[in-house]
Amino acid sequence: WARRMKRLPLSLQVFIHPPIPGVTPLEPAVCLQHLSENAPLLCVTYLEYLIEVRGLTDPLYHNSLVVLLHARVAQLLAKARQETKGRLPPAGQEFGECGHLRGKLLAFLKTSRCYQAEELLTRFQQDGFFEEQVILLSRVGRHKEALRILILTLGNIPAAESYCAENAPAPGAAADGDSDDVYRFLVEVLLEQNPPPPPPRSWPCCTSTTTASAPTTFWVSSRTASPWRTCCPTCRWSSSRRPICSATA
């Protein structure tokens, strides 16, 4: 921050200058209000100063930083979608300011323990902020919803496995929310993506057992019934007990 201070505008350096003996510093809420009215783009830097340098843990400042970063990134993402026709790189790797700010947003959501995740979730359920939703859902213990996003929406199974490893309780530790079931949720969501095959079907014509997807469809030489019928792939016994003909005439 000492090097960063030299590159900041003088209008912001006034508010984050080291305390001067005998001078009562301004309250952070007063400074933030002044900046939001006159220089809103500097609010992010000032909030970072309050959190990183002064170590303030008030949820108001942590929530405010998340809200401001989200609003700016949403604007940049909307512009990037138009320019790239919806083909965007992974979260945090976008070009220019968008990638820089989104990477900062993701890092802050992972490291800060002072924001109110439940209140912020509604803001991120729009505009495609899926990675941010996963972090917030993990904070409130809604692990199955987070895994659904990772697997069913993003199709990132390795990330889902890493998520389970990070959120599963250590042996002997008390579980937080549904953390003790996180691997069970992983299996359940994977089964939602790839449901198990149907049970084997036994045909009365022979001793062979096949799955429901294996039977072959043949042309039936009968005008009174449906012209196509499923039959046993082994001996072509038809479930309708009608003669089967493989001709397509």
Protein backbone atom coordinates (compact mmCIF):
# COMPACT_ATOMS: atom_id res chain seq x y z
CA TRP A 1 0.00 0.00 0.00
CA ALA A 2 2.90 2.39 0.51
CA ARG A 3 3.81 2.16 -3.21
CA ARG A 4 0.17 2.11 -4.21
CA MET A 5 -0.49 5.33 -2.30
CA LYS A 6 1.84 7.27 -4.59
CA ARG A 7 -0.23 6.31 -7.66
CA LEU A 8 -3.60 7.21 -6.14
CA PRO A 9 -5.37 10.51 -6.89
CA LEU A 10 -4.79 13.28 -4.37
CA SER A 11 -8.53 13.37 -3.71
CA LEU A 12 -8.28 9.84 -2.29
CA GLN A 13 -4.93 10.23 -0.55
CA VAL A 14 -6.56 12.82 1.71
CA PHE A 15 -8.84 10.15 3.15
CA ILE A 16 -6.28 7.38 3.57
CA HIS A 17 -3.35 9.46 4.76
CA PRO A 18 -1.68 8.17 7.96
CA PRO A 19 -3.12 9.72 11.14
CA ILE A 20 -1.71 13.14 12.04
CA PRO A 21 -1.09 13.83 15.74
CA GLY A 22 -3.62 16.24 17.16
CA VAL A 23 -5.98 15.87 14.19
CA THR A 24 -9.18 13.88 14.55
CA PRO A 25 -9.51 11.56 11.53
CA LEU A 26 -12.77 11.43 9.62
CA GLU A 27 -15.09 8.56 10.23
CA PRO A 28 -14.96 5.92 7.46
CA ALA A 29 -18.72 6.17 6.93
CA VAL A 30 -18.41 9.94 6.29
CA CYS A 31 -15.52 9.45 3.84
CA LEU A 32 -17.38 6.68 2.02
CA GLN A 33 -20.49 8.81 1.70
CA HIS A 34 -18.47 11.71 0.27
CA LEU A 35 -16.69 9.47 -2.24
CA SER A 36 -19.88 7.75 -3.35
CA GLU A 37 -21.42 11.14 -4.15
CA ASN A 38 -18.42 12.75 -5.83
CA ALA A 39 -16.06 9.98 -7.02
CA PRO A 40 -17.86 6.62 -7.00
CA LEU A 41 -15.05 4.85 -8.87
CA LEU A 42 -12.72 5.48 -5.92
CA CYS A 43 -15.03 3.77 -3.42
CA VAL A 44 -13.60 0.33 -4.23
CA THR A 45 -10.05 1.46 -3.47
CA TYR A 46 -11.11 3.17 -0.26
CA LEU A 47 -13.01 0.09 0.94
CA GLU A 48 -9.98 -2.08 0.17
CA TYR A 49 -7.91 0.28 2.30
CA LEU A 50 -10.35 0.03 5.20
CA ILE A 51 -10.39 -3.77 5.04
CA GLU A 52 -6.79 -4.60 4.17
CA VAL A 53 -4.87 -1.84 5.94
CA ARG A 54 -7.06 -0.77 8.83
CA GLY A 55 -8.47 -4.27 9.31
CA LEU A 56 -12.09 -3.24 9.75
CA THR A 57 -14.43 -6.22 10.08
CA ASP A 58 -17.77 -4.44 9.96
CA PRO A 59 -20.02 -6.41 7.54
CA LEU A 60 -21.23 -3.08 6.14
CA TYR A 61 -17.86 -2.39 4.51
CA HIS A 62 -17.33 -5.97 3.32
CA ASN A 63 -20.82 -6.14 1.83
CA SER A 64 -20.35 -2.75 0.19
CA LEU A 65 -17.12 -3.83 -1.49
CA VAL A 66 -18.78 -6.96 -2.88
CA VAL A 67 -21.76 -4.96 -4.15
CA LEU A 68 -19.57 -2.36 -5.89
CA LEU A 69 -17.35 -4.97 -7.52
CA HIS A 70 -20.37 -6.96 -8.67
CA ALA A 71 -22.03 -3.90 -10.20
CA ARG A 72 -18.91 -2.90 -12.14
CA VAL A 73 -18.15 -6.43 -13.32
CA ALA A 74 -21.77 -6.89 -14.45
CA GLN A 75 -21.47 -3.81 -16.66
CA LEU A 76 -18.20 -5.00 -18.17
CA LEU A 77 -19.51 -8.55 -18.69
CA ALA A 78 -22.59 -7.29 -20.53
CA LYS A 79 -20.36 -5.32 -22.89
CA ALA A 80 -17.99 -8.26 -23.35
CA ARG A 81 -20.87 -10.61 -24.22
CA GLN A 82 -21.96 -8.31 -26.99
CA GLU A 83 -18.47 -8.04 -28.40
CA THR A 84 -17.71 -11.78 -28.21
CA LYS A 85 -21.26 -13.01 -28.98
CA GLY A 86 -21.48 -14.75 -25.61
CA ARG A 87 -18.17 -16.61 -25.87
CA LEU A 88 -16.41 -15.63 -22.67
CA PRO A 89 -13.28 -17.14 -21.09
CA PRO A 90 -13.39 -18.68 -17.60
CA ALA A 91 -14.33 -16.44 -14.69
CA GLY A 92 -11.51 -14.13 -13.68
CA GLN A 93 -9.68 -14.59 -16.99
CA GLU A 94 -11.67 -12.08 -19.01
CA PHE A 95 -9.77 -9.46 -20.94
CA GLY A 96 -8.77 -6.15 -19.39
CA GLU A 97 -10.51 -4.49 -16.47
CA CYS A 98 -13.28 -7.07 -16.41
CA GLY A 99 -10.92 -9.95 -15.70
CA HIS A 100 -8.94 -7.92 -13.17
CA LEU A 101 -12.00 -6.87 -11.17
CA ARG A 102 -13.70 -10.26 -11.35
CA GLY A 103 -10.55 -11.98 -10.17
CA LYS A 104 -10.44 -9.52 -7.29
CA LEU A 105 -14.11 -10.24 -6.53
CA LEU A 106 -13.60 -14.02 -6.50
CA ALA A 107 -10.52 -13.73 -4.29
CA PHE A 108 -12.33 -11.49 -1.81
CA LEU A 109 -15.35 -13.82 -1.60
CA LYS A 110 -13.01 -16.72 -0.83
CA THR A 111 -10.90 -14.95 1.80
CA SER A 112 -13.23 -12.60 3.64
CA ARG A 113 -15.24 -13.99 6.55
CA CYS A 114 -17.10 -10.80 7.39
CA TYR A 115 -19.65 -10.32 4.59
CA GLN A 116 -23.22 -11.60 4.84
CA ALA A 117 -23.46 -14.31 2.21
CA GLU A 118 -27.21 -14.89 2.54
CA GLU A 119 -27.98 -11.24 1.74
CA LEU A 120 -25.59 -11.16 -1.22
CA LEU A 121 -26.82 -14.35 -2.89
CA THR A 122 -29.81 -12.67 -4.54
CA ARG A 123 -27.50 -10.23 -6.33
CA PHE A 124 -25.49 -13.03 -7.94
CA GLN A 125 -28.39 -15.16 -9.15
CA GLN A 126 -28.50 -13.13 -12.34
CA ASP A 127 -26.08 -12.23 -15.11
CA GLY A 128 -24.30 -15.62 -15.02
CA PHE A 129 -22.17 -15.18 -11.89
CA PHE A 130 -22.05 -18.95 -11.33
CA GLU A 131 -18.61 -19.18 -9.74
CA GLU A 132 -19.52 -16.48 -7.26
CA GLN A 133 -22.77 -18.28 -6.43
CA VAL A 134 -20.82 -21.44 -5.64
CA ILE A 135 -18.66 -19.61 -3.09
CA LEU A 136 -21.64 -17.94 -1.44
CA LEU A 137 -23.65 -21.17 -1.32
CA SER A 138 -20.73 -22.92 0.35
CA ARG A 139 -20.66 -20.20 3.02
CA VAL A 140 -24.30 -20.80 3.94
CA GLY A 141 -23.98 -24.59 3.84
CA ARG A 142 -26.09 -25.18 0.72
CA HIS A 143 -23.62 -27.60 -0.80
CA LYS A 144 -25.98 -29.53 -3.04
CA GLU A 145 -27.03 -26.37 -4.85
CA ALA A 146 -23.38 -25.43 -5.29
CA LEU A 147 -22.58 -28.86 -6.74
CA ARG A 148 -25.52 -28.61 -9.13
CA ILE A 149 -24.06 -25.40 -10.53
CA LEU A 150 -20.58 -26.89 -10.88
CA ILE A 151 -21.77 -30.11 -12.54
CA LEU A 152 -25.06 -29.42 -14.31
CA THR A 153 -24.49 -25.77 -15.28
CA LEU A 154 -20.72 -25.43 -15.69
CA GLY A 155 -19.97 -29.10 -16.45
CA ASN A 156 -16.82 -28.91 -14.32
CA ILE A 157 -16.59 -32.23 -12.49
CA PRO A 158 -12.96 -31.72 -11.32
CA ALA A 159 -14.03 -28.47 -9.67
CA ALA A 160 -16.89 -30.32 -7.98
CA GLU A 161 -14.44 -32.89 -6.62
CA SER A 162 -12.19 -30.12 -5.30
CA TYR A 163 -15.23 -28.45 -3.76
CA CYS A 164 -16.05 -31.62 -1.83
CA ALA A 165 -12.47 -31.97 -0.62
CA GLU A 166 -12.47 -28.38 0.64
CA ASN A 167 -15.87 -28.51 2.34
CA ALA A 168 -15.92 -32.03 3.78
CA PRO A 169 -15.38 -31.96 7.56
CA ALA A 170 -12.09 -33.23 8.92
CA PRO A 171 -12.22 -36.55 10.78
CA GLY A 172 -13.59 -35.94 14.25
CA ALA A 173 -14.59 -32.34 13.49
CA ALA A 174 -18.13 -31.07 13.87
CA ALA A 175 -20.00 -30.77 10.57
CA ASP A 176 -21.18 -27.34 9.42
CA GLY A 177 -24.62 -27.48 7.80
CA ASP A 178 -24.68 -30.30 5.26
CA SER A 179 -20.89 -30.67 5.12
CA ASP A 180 -21.03 -34.25 6.37
CA ASP A 181 -23.15 -35.20 3.33
CA VAL A 182 -21.14 -33.34 0.70
CA TYR A 183 -19.82 -36.47 -1.03
CA ARG A 184 -23.29 -38.03 -1.01
CA PHE A 185 -24.56 -34.87 -2.69
CA LEU A 186 -21.81 -35.23 -5.29
CA VAL A 187 -22.99 -38.73 -6.20
CA GLU A 188 -26.64 -37.66 -6.30
CA VAL A 189 -25.92 -34.74 -8.64
CA LEU A 190 -23.76 -36.93 -10.88
CA LEU A 191 -26.66 -39.36 -11.15
CA GLU A 192 -28.92 -36.46 -12.11
CA GLN A 193 -26.52 -35.71 -14.95
CA ASN A 194 -26.09 -39.36 -16.02
CA PRO A 195 -29.05 -41.43 -14.80
CA PRO A 196 -28.40 -45.17 -14.41
CA PRO A 197 -29.47 -47.49 -17.25
CA PRO A 198 -32.89 -49.16 -17.01
CA PRO A 199 -33.03 -52.55 -15.30
CA PRO A 200 -32.38 -55.64 -17.47
CA ARG A 201 -35.36 -56.96 -19.37
CA SER A 202 -35.95 -60.70 -19.58
CA TRP A 203 -37.54 -61.96 -22.78
CA PRO A 204 -39.81 -65.04 -22.40
CA CYS A 205 -38.56 -66.49 -25.66
CA CYS A 206 -35.11 -67.45 -24.45
CA THR A 207 -32.85 -67.32 -21.43
CA SER A 208 -30.98 -64.25 -22.58
CA THR A 209 -31.31 -61.05 -20.56
CA THR A 210 -30.76 -57.70 -22.26
CA THR A 211 -31.20 -54.08 -21.33
CA ALA A 212 -34.15 -52.14 -22.59
CA SER A 213 -31.95 -50.22 -25.03
CA ALA A 214 -30.63 -53.36 -26.69
CA PRO A 215 -33.79 -54.71 -28.44
CA THR A 216 -33.92 -54.09 -32.18
CA THR A 217 -36.87 -52.59 -34.04
CA PHE A 218 -38.06 -54.52 -37.09
CA TRP A 219 -40.70 -54.06 -39.74
CA VAL A 220 -43.85 -56.06 -38.94
CA SER A 221 -45.68 -57.71 -41.83
CA SER A 222 -49.11 -56.77 -40.55
CA ARG A 223 -51.33 -53.86 -41.51
CA THR A 224 -53.55 -54.14 -38.46
CA ALA A 225 -50.86 -53.22 -35.94
CA SER A 226 -48.13 -50.66 -35.64
CA PRO A 227 -45.61 -51.38 -38.46
CA TRP A 228 -42.64 -51.14 -36.08
CA ARG A 229 -42.20 -53.39 -33.08
CA THR A 230 -39.47 -54.15 -30.57
CA CYS A 231 -38.17 -57.67 -30.43
CA CYS A 232 -35.56 -59.72 -28.64
CA PRO A 233 -32.11 -59.13 -30.21
CA THR A 234 -31.18 -62.78 -29.74
CA CYS A 235 -33.98 -64.68 -31.49
CA ARG A 236 -36.27 -61.89 -32.72
CA TRP A 237 -39.18 -62.96 -30.55
CA SER A 238 -41.73 -60.17 -30.63
CA SER A 239 -43.53 -59.04 -27.50
CA SER A 240 -46.72 -58.87 -29.57
CA ARG A 241 -46.34 -62.55 -30.62
CA ARG A 242 -46.73 -61.53 -34.25
CA PRO A 243 -44.39 -62.80 -36.99
CA ILE A 244 -41.37 -60.61 -37.60
CA CYS A 245 -39.95 -59.85 -40.99
CA SER A 246 -36.76 -57.88 -41.52
CA ALA A 247 -37.86 -56.81 -44.98
CA THR A 248 -38.60 -53.12 -45.36
CA ALA A 249 -41.02 -53.41 -48.23
